[in-house]
């Protein structure tokens, strides 16, 4: 009886050891999904080179991109004030957490947003790239806090904000 128990425990322990690398790789992709690490890395590359961080990461442009990755895509309190009102770059982690991949891809292809969001560029992103971006955003453990809410025209936003003056 002891031999059978010992063998069972040995088999279980060996299985756990063999599965450990795969478990760690899956943990790195976030949410326990089976997304390959290369897809998440592709999403990181897209976020980095498509300018997502420029607005959706606090102080990213001011710090010349030298912001810890733990803060990437958490939104910003910098307002963008113009004739449309005042917009704030939302926390993309919170946004992605409310969607599945298909909903995210559909959003990237149909979004119409207030300035300065270049939604027309986002609409051109391939479904594959939008999906990779989604998986990268979902790979973060911490979601962060919401960005401030949109303010309608005529309301003066709190500092800091960029004022677009059209002449």
N, C-alpha and C. Protein backbone atom coordinates (compact mmCIF):
# COMPACT_ATOMS: atom_id res chain seq x y z
N UNK A 1 0.82 -1.19 0.00
CA UNK A 1 0.00 0.00 0.00
C UNK A 1 0.86 1.26 0.00
N UNK A 2 1.94 1.25 0.86
CA UNK A 2 2.82 2.40 0.89
C UNK A 2 3.52 2.60 -0.44
N UNK A 3 3.89 1.53 -1.10
CA UNK A 3 4.56 1.61 -2.39
C UNK A 3 3.67 2.26 -3.43
N UNK A 4 2.38 1.90 -3.44
CA UNK A 4 1.44 2.49 -4.40
C UNK A 4 1.29 3.98 -4.14
N UNK A 5 1.15 4.38 -2.87
CA UNK A 5 1.02 5.79 -2.52
C UNK A 5 2.28 6.55 -2.91
N UNK A 6 3.44 5.98 -2.62
CA UNK A 6 4.71 6.61 -2.94
C UNK A 6 4.84 6.80 -4.45
N UNK A 7 4.46 5.78 -5.21
CA UNK A 7 4.55 5.87 -6.67
C UNK A 7 3.58 6.94 -7.19
N UNK A 8 2.37 6.98 -6.64
CA UNK A 8 1.38 7.98 -7.07
C UNK A 8 1.89 9.39 -6.80
N UNK A 9 2.44 9.58 -5.59
CA UNK A 9 2.99 10.89 -5.25
C UNK A 9 4.16 11.24 -6.16
N UNK A 10 4.98 10.24 -6.47
CA UNK A 10 6.11 10.46 -7.37
C UNK A 10 5.65 10.86 -8.77
N UNK A 11 4.61 10.20 -9.27
CA UNK A 11 4.07 10.52 -10.59
C UNK A 11 3.48 11.93 -10.59
N UNK A 12 2.75 12.27 -9.54
CA UNK A 12 2.16 13.61 -9.43
C UNK A 12 3.26 14.67 -9.37
N UNK A 13 4.29 14.42 -8.57
CA UNK A 13 5.39 15.37 -8.46
C UNK A 13 6.11 15.53 -9.80
N UNK A 14 6.36 14.43 -10.49
CA UNK A 14 7.03 14.48 -11.79
C UNK A 14 6.18 15.26 -12.79
N UNK A 15 4.87 15.02 -12.78
CA UNK A 15 3.97 15.75 -13.68
C UNK A 15 4.00 17.24 -13.41
N UNK A 16 4.01 17.60 -12.13
CA UNK A 16 4.07 19.01 -11.77
C UNK A 16 5.37 19.65 -12.25
N UNK A 17 6.47 18.93 -12.10
CA UNK A 17 7.77 19.45 -12.55
C UNK A 17 7.78 19.63 -14.07
N UNK A 18 7.23 18.65 -14.78
CA UNK A 18 7.21 18.74 -16.24
C UNK A 18 6.29 19.84 -16.73
N UNK A 19 5.22 20.13 -16.01
CA UNK A 19 4.26 21.16 -16.43
C UNK A 19 4.65 22.56 -15.98
N UNK A 20 5.61 22.68 -15.08
CA UNK A 20 5.99 23.97 -14.54
C UNK A 20 6.39 24.99 -15.62
N UNK A 21 7.27 24.64 -16.56
CA UNK A 21 7.63 25.64 -17.59
C UNK A 21 6.41 26.11 -18.38
N UNK A 22 5.52 25.21 -18.72
CA UNK A 22 4.33 25.61 -19.47
C UNK A 22 3.43 26.49 -18.63
N UNK A 23 3.32 26.17 -17.34
CA UNK A 23 2.49 26.98 -16.44
C UNK A 23 3.06 28.38 -16.31
N UNK A 24 4.38 28.48 -16.18
CA UNK A 24 5.01 29.80 -16.08
C UNK A 24 4.82 30.60 -17.36
N UNK A 25 4.93 29.97 -18.50
CA UNK A 25 4.73 30.67 -19.78
C UNK A 25 3.32 31.18 -19.89
N UNK A 26 2.35 30.38 -19.47
CA UNK A 26 0.95 30.82 -19.52
C UNK A 26 0.71 31.95 -18.54
N UNK A 27 1.32 31.91 -17.38
CA UNK A 27 1.13 32.96 -16.39
C UNK A 27 1.62 34.29 -16.92
N UNK A 28 2.66 34.27 -17.72
CA UNK A 28 3.19 35.50 -18.26
C UNK A 28 2.24 36.13 -19.28
N UNK A 29 1.33 35.39 -19.85
CA UNK A 29 0.41 35.95 -20.84
C UNK A 29 -0.83 36.53 -20.19
N UNK A 30 -1.00 36.36 -18.90
CA UNK A 30 -2.11 36.97 -18.17
C UNK A 30 -3.39 36.18 -18.25
N UNK A 31 -4.16 36.28 -17.21
CA UNK A 31 -5.50 35.71 -17.13
C UNK A 31 -5.55 34.21 -17.36
N UNK A 32 -4.43 33.50 -17.20
CA UNK A 32 -4.44 32.06 -17.34
C UNK A 32 -4.77 31.58 -18.74
N UNK A 33 -4.68 32.44 -19.71
CA UNK A 33 -5.02 32.04 -21.08
C UNK A 33 -3.89 31.25 -21.70
N UNK A 34 -4.18 30.66 -22.84
CA UNK A 34 -3.16 29.88 -23.52
C UNK A 34 -2.58 30.66 -24.70
N UNK A 35 -2.43 31.96 -24.54
CA UNK A 35 -1.89 32.82 -25.58
C UNK A 35 -0.37 32.68 -25.59
N UNK A 36 0.20 32.38 -26.74
CA UNK A 36 1.66 32.26 -26.82
C UNK A 36 2.35 33.57 -26.45
N UNK A 37 3.49 33.45 -25.81
CA UNK A 37 4.27 34.62 -25.38
C UNK A 37 4.61 35.52 -26.57
N UNK A 38 4.79 34.93 -27.77
CA UNK A 38 5.13 35.73 -28.95
C UNK A 38 3.99 36.69 -29.32
N UNK A 39 2.76 36.27 -29.09
CA UNK A 39 1.60 37.12 -29.39
C UNK A 39 1.57 38.30 -28.42
N UNK A 40 1.81 38.03 -27.15
CA UNK A 40 1.83 39.09 -26.15
C UNK A 40 2.96 40.07 -26.47
N UNK A 41 4.12 39.54 -26.84
CA UNK A 41 5.25 40.41 -27.19
C UNK A 41 4.94 41.24 -28.44
N UNK A 42 4.24 40.67 -29.39
CA UNK A 42 3.81 41.43 -30.58
C UNK A 42 2.89 42.58 -30.15
N UNK A 43 1.98 42.31 -29.23
CA UNK A 43 1.11 43.36 -28.71
C UNK A 43 1.88 44.46 -28.01
N UNK A 44 2.91 44.08 -27.28
CA UNK A 44 3.77 45.07 -26.62
C UNK A 44 4.44 45.96 -27.67
N UNK A 45 4.96 45.32 -28.70
CA UNK A 45 5.61 46.05 -29.79
C UNK A 45 4.63 47.03 -30.45
N UNK A 46 3.41 46.59 -30.68
CA UNK A 46 2.39 47.46 -31.30
C UNK A 46 2.08 48.64 -30.39
N UNK A 47 1.90 48.38 -29.10
CA UNK A 47 1.63 49.47 -28.16
C UNK A 47 2.77 50.48 -28.16
N UNK A 48 3.98 49.97 -28.21
CA UNK A 48 5.16 50.82 -28.17
C UNK A 48 5.33 51.64 -29.44
N UNK A 49 5.16 51.04 -30.60
CA UNK A 49 5.45 51.72 -31.86
C UNK A 49 4.25 52.44 -32.47
N UNK A 50 3.05 52.15 -32.00
CA UNK A 50 1.86 52.80 -32.57
C UNK A 50 1.48 54.08 -31.83
N UNK A 51 2.23 54.43 -30.82
CA UNK A 51 1.96 55.67 -30.11
C UNK A 51 0.89 55.55 -29.02
N UNK A 52 0.48 54.35 -28.67
CA UNK A 52 -0.55 54.18 -27.63
C UNK A 52 -0.10 54.82 -26.32
N UNK A 53 1.16 54.60 -25.97
CA UNK A 53 1.68 55.12 -24.71
C UNK A 53 1.73 56.65 -24.69
N UNK A 54 1.87 57.28 -25.85
CA UNK A 54 2.00 58.73 -25.89
C UNK A 54 0.90 59.42 -25.10
N UNK A 55 -0.31 58.91 -25.20
CA UNK A 55 -1.43 59.50 -24.47
C UNK A 55 -1.94 58.63 -23.33
N UNK A 56 -1.93 57.32 -23.50
CA UNK A 56 -2.56 56.42 -22.54
C UNK A 56 -1.66 56.01 -21.38
N UNK A 57 -0.43 56.54 -21.32
CA UNK A 57 0.49 56.27 -20.21
C UNK A 57 0.89 57.59 -19.58
N UNK A 58 0.70 57.73 -18.26
CA UNK A 58 1.02 59.00 -17.60
C UNK A 58 2.47 59.43 -17.83
N UNK A 59 2.62 60.70 -18.23
CA UNK A 59 3.94 61.35 -18.38
C UNK A 59 4.87 60.70 -19.39
N UNK A 60 4.34 59.87 -20.27
CA UNK A 60 5.18 59.11 -21.19
C UNK A 60 5.98 60.03 -22.13
N UNK A 61 5.32 60.98 -22.75
CA UNK A 61 6.02 61.87 -23.68
C UNK A 61 6.99 62.78 -22.95
N UNK A 62 6.57 63.31 -21.81
CA UNK A 62 7.43 64.20 -21.02
C UNK A 62 8.69 63.48 -20.58
N UNK A 63 8.55 62.21 -20.22
CA UNK A 63 9.68 61.41 -19.75
C UNK A 63 10.43 60.74 -20.89
N UNK A 64 10.12 61.13 -22.12
CA UNK A 64 10.78 60.57 -23.30
C UNK A 64 10.71 59.05 -23.31
N UNK A 65 9.55 58.52 -22.91
CA UNK A 65 9.32 57.08 -22.94
C UNK A 65 9.90 56.32 -21.77
N UNK A 66 10.56 57.00 -20.86
CA UNK A 66 11.19 56.33 -19.73
C UNK A 66 10.22 56.22 -18.54
N UNK A 67 9.14 55.50 -18.76
CA UNK A 67 8.12 55.26 -17.74
C UNK A 67 8.10 53.75 -17.49
N UNK A 68 8.07 53.34 -16.23
CA UNK A 68 8.03 51.90 -15.95
C UNK A 68 6.85 51.23 -16.66
N UNK A 69 7.09 50.06 -17.20
CA UNK A 69 6.07 49.34 -17.96
C UNK A 69 4.84 49.03 -17.10
N UNK A 70 5.02 48.98 -15.77
CA UNK A 70 3.88 48.74 -14.89
C UNK A 70 2.82 49.83 -15.01
N UNK A 71 3.20 51.02 -15.53
CA UNK A 71 2.26 52.13 -15.68
C UNK A 71 1.70 52.26 -17.10
N UNK A 72 2.24 51.48 -18.02
CA UNK A 72 1.80 51.61 -19.40
C UNK A 72 0.30 51.36 -19.52
N UNK A 73 -0.33 52.22 -20.31
CA UNK A 73 -1.73 52.08 -20.74
C UNK A 73 -2.74 52.15 -19.60
N UNK A 74 -2.37 52.88 -18.53
CA UNK A 74 -3.28 53.05 -17.40
C UNK A 74 -4.08 54.35 -17.48
N UNK A 75 -4.00 55.05 -18.61
CA UNK A 75 -4.74 56.30 -18.75
C UNK A 75 -3.95 57.47 -18.20
N UNK A 76 -4.52 58.66 -18.34
CA UNK A 76 -3.80 59.85 -17.90
C UNK A 76 -4.78 60.92 -17.43
N UNK A 77 -4.30 61.80 -16.57
CA UNK A 77 -5.11 62.91 -16.07
C UNK A 77 -4.92 64.17 -16.90
N UNK A 78 -4.04 64.11 -17.90
CA UNK A 78 -3.84 65.26 -18.79
C UNK A 78 -5.06 65.39 -19.70
N UNK A 79 -5.71 66.54 -19.61
CA UNK A 79 -6.89 66.77 -20.44
C UNK A 79 -6.51 67.37 -21.79
N UNK A 80 -7.31 67.07 -22.79
CA UNK A 80 -7.15 67.61 -24.14
C UNK A 80 -8.39 68.45 -24.39
N UNK A 81 -8.22 69.78 -24.27
CA UNK A 81 -9.34 70.72 -24.27
C UNK A 81 -9.44 71.44 -25.61
N UNK A 82 -10.64 71.44 -26.18
CA UNK A 82 -10.87 72.13 -27.45
C UNK A 82 -12.36 72.33 -27.65
N UNK A 83 -12.77 72.69 -28.87
CA UNK A 83 -14.18 72.93 -29.15
C UNK A 83 -15.08 71.73 -28.85
N UNK A 84 -14.53 70.53 -28.80
CA UNK A 84 -15.29 69.31 -28.53
C UNK A 84 -15.52 69.07 -27.03
N UNK A 85 -14.86 69.88 -26.18
CA UNK A 85 -14.88 69.68 -24.75
C UNK A 85 -13.49 69.28 -24.29
N UNK A 86 -13.42 68.46 -23.25
CA UNK A 86 -12.13 67.99 -22.76
C UNK A 86 -12.16 66.47 -22.70
N UNK A 87 -11.22 65.87 -23.38
CA UNK A 87 -11.10 64.42 -23.38
C UNK A 87 -9.86 64.00 -22.59
N UNK A 88 -9.93 62.79 -22.10
CA UNK A 88 -8.82 62.19 -21.37
C UNK A 88 -8.55 60.82 -21.96
N UNK A 89 -7.26 60.49 -22.09
CA UNK A 89 -6.90 59.16 -22.60
C UNK A 89 -7.31 58.13 -21.56
N UNK A 90 -8.23 57.23 -21.91
CA UNK A 90 -8.71 56.27 -20.91
C UNK A 90 -7.69 55.21 -20.56
N UNK A 91 -7.95 54.57 -19.45
CA UNK A 91 -7.16 53.44 -18.99
C UNK A 91 -7.54 52.24 -19.87
N UNK A 92 -6.64 51.85 -20.76
CA UNK A 92 -6.92 50.74 -21.69
C UNK A 92 -6.97 49.40 -20.98
N UNK A 93 -6.32 49.28 -19.84
CA UNK A 93 -6.38 48.02 -19.09
C UNK A 93 -7.81 47.77 -18.59
N UNK A 94 -8.43 48.83 -18.06
CA UNK A 94 -9.81 48.70 -17.58
C UNK A 94 -10.76 48.44 -18.74
N UNK A 95 -10.51 49.12 -19.86
CA UNK A 95 -11.36 48.93 -21.04
C UNK A 95 -11.28 47.49 -21.55
N UNK A 96 -10.07 46.99 -21.70
CA UNK A 96 -9.88 45.62 -22.22
C UNK A 96 -10.43 44.58 -21.25
N UNK A 97 -10.39 44.88 -19.96
CA UNK A 97 -10.90 43.92 -18.96
C UNK A 97 -12.41 43.72 -19.08
N UNK A 98 -13.09 44.67 -19.71
CA UNK A 98 -14.54 44.58 -19.87
C UNK A 98 -14.95 43.86 -21.15
N UNK A 99 -13.97 43.48 -21.97
CA UNK A 99 -14.25 42.92 -23.29
C UNK A 99 -13.57 41.58 -23.48
N UNK A 100 -14.14 40.79 -24.38
CA UNK A 100 -13.39 39.64 -24.85
C UNK A 100 -12.61 40.08 -26.09
N UNK A 101 -11.79 39.20 -26.60
CA UNK A 101 -10.93 39.56 -27.74
C UNK A 101 -11.74 40.01 -28.95
N UNK A 102 -12.81 39.31 -29.28
CA UNK A 102 -13.62 39.66 -30.44
C UNK A 102 -14.24 41.05 -30.28
N UNK A 103 -14.72 41.37 -29.11
CA UNK A 103 -15.29 42.69 -28.86
C UNK A 103 -14.22 43.77 -29.00
N UNK A 104 -13.02 43.47 -28.52
CA UNK A 104 -11.92 44.43 -28.64
C UNK A 104 -11.59 44.69 -30.11
N UNK A 105 -11.47 43.62 -30.88
CA UNK A 105 -11.15 43.76 -32.31
C UNK A 105 -12.24 44.56 -33.02
N UNK A 106 -13.48 44.26 -32.72
CA UNK A 106 -14.59 45.01 -33.33
C UNK A 106 -14.54 46.48 -32.94
N UNK A 107 -14.21 46.77 -31.68
CA UNK A 107 -14.09 48.15 -31.23
C UNK A 107 -12.98 48.88 -31.99
N UNK A 108 -11.84 48.21 -32.20
CA UNK A 108 -10.75 48.89 -32.91
C UNK A 108 -11.14 49.23 -34.34
N UNK A 109 -12.04 48.46 -34.92
CA UNK A 109 -12.44 48.70 -36.31
C UNK A 109 -13.62 49.66 -36.44
N UNK A 110 -14.31 49.95 -35.34
CA UNK A 110 -15.51 50.79 -35.44
C UNK A 110 -15.45 52.05 -34.59
N UNK A 111 -14.42 52.22 -33.80
CA UNK A 111 -14.33 53.35 -32.88
C UNK A 111 -14.37 54.68 -33.62
N UNK A 112 -15.15 55.60 -33.10
CA UNK A 112 -15.15 57.00 -33.51
C UNK A 112 -14.99 57.77 -32.22
N UNK A 113 -13.91 58.51 -32.07
CA UNK A 113 -13.61 59.17 -30.80
C UNK A 113 -13.34 60.66 -31.01
N UNK A 114 -13.42 61.40 -29.94
CA UNK A 114 -13.12 62.83 -29.97
C UNK A 114 -11.60 63.01 -30.07
N UNK A 115 -11.18 64.19 -30.55
CA UNK A 115 -9.74 64.49 -30.59
C UNK A 115 -9.13 64.41 -29.18
N UNK A 116 -7.85 64.13 -29.13
CA UNK A 116 -6.90 63.96 -30.22
C UNK A 116 -6.71 62.51 -30.65
N UNK A 117 -7.61 61.61 -30.23
CA UNK A 117 -7.46 60.18 -30.57
C UNK A 117 -7.51 59.96 -32.07
N UNK A 118 -6.44 59.39 -32.63
CA UNK A 118 -6.43 59.09 -34.07
C UNK A 118 -7.17 57.78 -34.38
N UNK A 119 -8.47 57.77 -34.12
CA UNK A 119 -9.29 56.56 -34.29
C UNK A 119 -9.25 56.03 -35.71
N UNK A 120 -9.08 56.92 -36.68
CA UNK A 120 -9.03 56.51 -38.09
C UNK A 120 -7.83 55.63 -38.37
N UNK A 121 -6.74 55.82 -37.62
CA UNK A 121 -5.58 54.92 -37.73
C UNK A 121 -5.86 53.59 -37.04
N UNK A 122 -6.48 53.65 -35.88
CA UNK A 122 -6.83 52.43 -35.16
C UNK A 122 -7.77 51.56 -35.99
N UNK A 123 -8.70 52.19 -36.71
CA UNK A 123 -9.63 51.45 -37.55
C UNK A 123 -8.93 50.63 -38.62
N UNK A 124 -7.72 50.99 -38.99
CA UNK A 124 -6.97 50.30 -40.04
C UNK A 124 -6.12 49.14 -39.51
N UNK A 125 -6.05 49.00 -38.19
CA UNK A 125 -5.24 47.92 -37.61
C UNK A 125 -5.82 46.57 -38.01
N UNK A 126 -4.96 45.64 -38.35
CA UNK A 126 -5.44 44.30 -38.71
C UNK A 126 -6.05 43.63 -37.48
N UNK A 127 -6.92 42.68 -37.71
CA UNK A 127 -7.53 41.93 -36.61
C UNK A 127 -6.46 41.19 -35.81
N UNK A 128 -5.46 40.69 -36.50
CA UNK A 128 -4.37 39.97 -35.83
C UNK A 128 -3.60 40.90 -34.89
N UNK A 129 -3.27 42.10 -35.37
CA UNK A 129 -2.55 43.06 -34.53
C UNK A 129 -3.41 43.57 -33.39
N UNK A 130 -4.69 43.82 -33.66
CA UNK A 130 -5.60 44.27 -32.60
C UNK A 130 -5.72 43.19 -31.52
N UNK A 131 -5.76 41.94 -31.93
CA UNK A 131 -5.82 40.83 -30.98
C UNK A 131 -4.55 40.73 -30.15
N UNK A 132 -3.42 40.92 -30.79
CA UNK A 132 -2.15 40.88 -30.06
C UNK A 132 -2.08 42.03 -29.05
N UNK A 133 -2.52 43.21 -29.45
CA UNK A 133 -2.56 44.34 -28.53
C UNK A 133 -3.47 44.03 -27.34
N UNK A 134 -4.61 43.45 -27.60
CA UNK A 134 -5.55 43.05 -26.55
C UNK A 134 -4.87 42.10 -25.56
N UNK A 135 -4.20 41.09 -26.06
CA UNK A 135 -3.55 40.12 -25.17
C UNK A 135 -2.43 40.77 -24.37
N UNK A 136 -1.71 41.70 -24.98
CA UNK A 136 -0.68 42.41 -24.22
C UNK A 136 -1.30 43.23 -23.09
N UNK A 137 -2.34 43.98 -23.41
CA UNK A 137 -3.00 44.80 -22.39
C UNK A 137 -3.54 43.92 -21.26
N UNK A 138 -4.10 42.78 -21.61
CA UNK A 138 -4.66 41.87 -20.61
C UNK A 138 -3.58 41.14 -19.82
N UNK A 139 -2.32 41.24 -20.22
CA UNK A 139 -1.25 40.52 -19.52
C UNK A 139 -0.86 41.20 -18.21
N UNK A 140 -1.29 42.43 -18.00
CA UNK A 140 -0.94 43.13 -16.76
C UNK A 140 -1.81 42.64 -15.61
N UNK A 141 -1.20 42.46 -14.45
CA UNK A 141 -1.95 42.04 -13.27
C UNK A 141 -2.75 43.20 -12.70
N UNK A 142 -2.14 44.36 -12.58
CA UNK A 142 -2.80 45.54 -12.01
C UNK A 142 -3.56 46.28 -13.11
N UNK A 143 -4.81 46.62 -12.82
CA UNK A 143 -5.61 47.33 -13.82
C UNK A 143 -5.48 48.85 -13.70
N UNK A 144 -5.18 49.37 -12.53
CA UNK A 144 -5.06 50.80 -12.34
C UNK A 144 -6.42 51.45 -12.09
N UNK A 145 -6.43 52.75 -12.16
CA UNK A 145 -7.62 53.56 -11.87
C UNK A 145 -8.16 54.17 -13.16
N UNK A 146 -9.45 54.51 -13.17
CA UNK A 146 -10.01 55.16 -14.37
C UNK A 146 -9.43 56.56 -14.56
N UNK A 147 -9.33 56.97 -15.80
CA UNK A 147 -8.95 58.35 -16.12
C UNK A 147 -10.16 59.24 -15.84
N UNK A 148 -9.95 60.56 -15.75
CA UNK A 148 -11.09 61.45 -15.55
C UNK A 148 -12.12 61.32 -16.67
N UNK A 149 -13.34 61.66 -16.37
CA UNK A 149 -14.43 61.59 -17.35
C UNK A 149 -14.39 62.78 -18.28
N UNK A 150 -14.92 62.58 -19.47
CA UNK A 150 -15.07 63.63 -20.48
C UNK A 150 -15.82 64.83 -19.90
N UNK A 151 -15.36 66.03 -20.28
CA UNK A 151 -16.07 67.26 -19.91
C UNK A 151 -16.64 67.89 -21.17
N UNK A 152 -17.90 68.30 -21.17
CA UNK A 152 -18.51 68.89 -22.37
C UNK A 152 -17.96 70.29 -22.67
N UNK A 153 -18.19 70.78 -23.88
CA UNK A 153 -17.75 72.14 -24.24
C UNK A 153 -18.29 73.16 -23.23
N UNK A 154 -17.48 74.17 -22.99
CA UNK A 154 -17.89 75.23 -22.07
C UNK A 154 -17.41 75.03 -20.64
N UNK A 155 -17.01 73.82 -20.28
CA UNK A 155 -16.49 73.56 -18.93
C UNK A 155 -14.97 73.66 -18.96
N UNK A 156 -14.43 74.44 -18.03
CA UNK A 156 -12.98 74.56 -17.93
C UNK A 156 -12.45 73.37 -17.12
N UNK A 157 -11.52 72.63 -17.70
CA UNK A 157 -11.00 71.44 -17.00
C UNK A 157 -10.02 71.84 -15.91
N UNK A 158 -9.84 70.96 -14.94
CA UNK A 158 -8.77 71.20 -13.95
C UNK A 158 -7.41 71.00 -14.63
N UNK A 159 -6.40 71.62 -14.07
CA UNK A 159 -5.04 71.41 -14.57
C UNK A 159 -4.61 69.99 -14.24
N UNK A 160 -3.78 69.39 -15.06
CA UNK A 160 -3.17 69.87 -16.29
C UNK A 160 -4.04 69.59 -17.52
N UNK A 161 -3.96 70.47 -18.49
CA UNK A 161 -4.62 70.22 -19.77
C UNK A 161 -3.92 70.96 -20.89
N UNK A 162 -4.09 70.45 -22.09
CA UNK A 162 -3.58 71.06 -23.31
C UNK A 162 -4.75 71.77 -23.94
N UNK A 163 -4.57 73.03 -24.28
CA UNK A 163 -5.66 73.82 -24.86
C UNK A 163 -5.44 73.95 -26.36
N UNK A 164 -6.36 73.36 -27.15
CA UNK A 164 -6.31 73.49 -28.60
C UNK A 164 -7.07 74.75 -28.98
N UNK A 165 -6.38 75.72 -29.55
CA UNK A 165 -7.03 76.96 -29.99
C UNK A 165 -7.04 76.93 -31.51
N UNK A 166 -8.24 76.91 -32.08
CA UNK A 166 -8.38 76.89 -33.54
C UNK A 166 -8.69 78.29 -34.02
N UNK A 167 -7.89 78.78 -34.98
CA UNK A 167 -8.13 80.13 -35.52
C UNK A 167 -8.29 80.07 -37.01
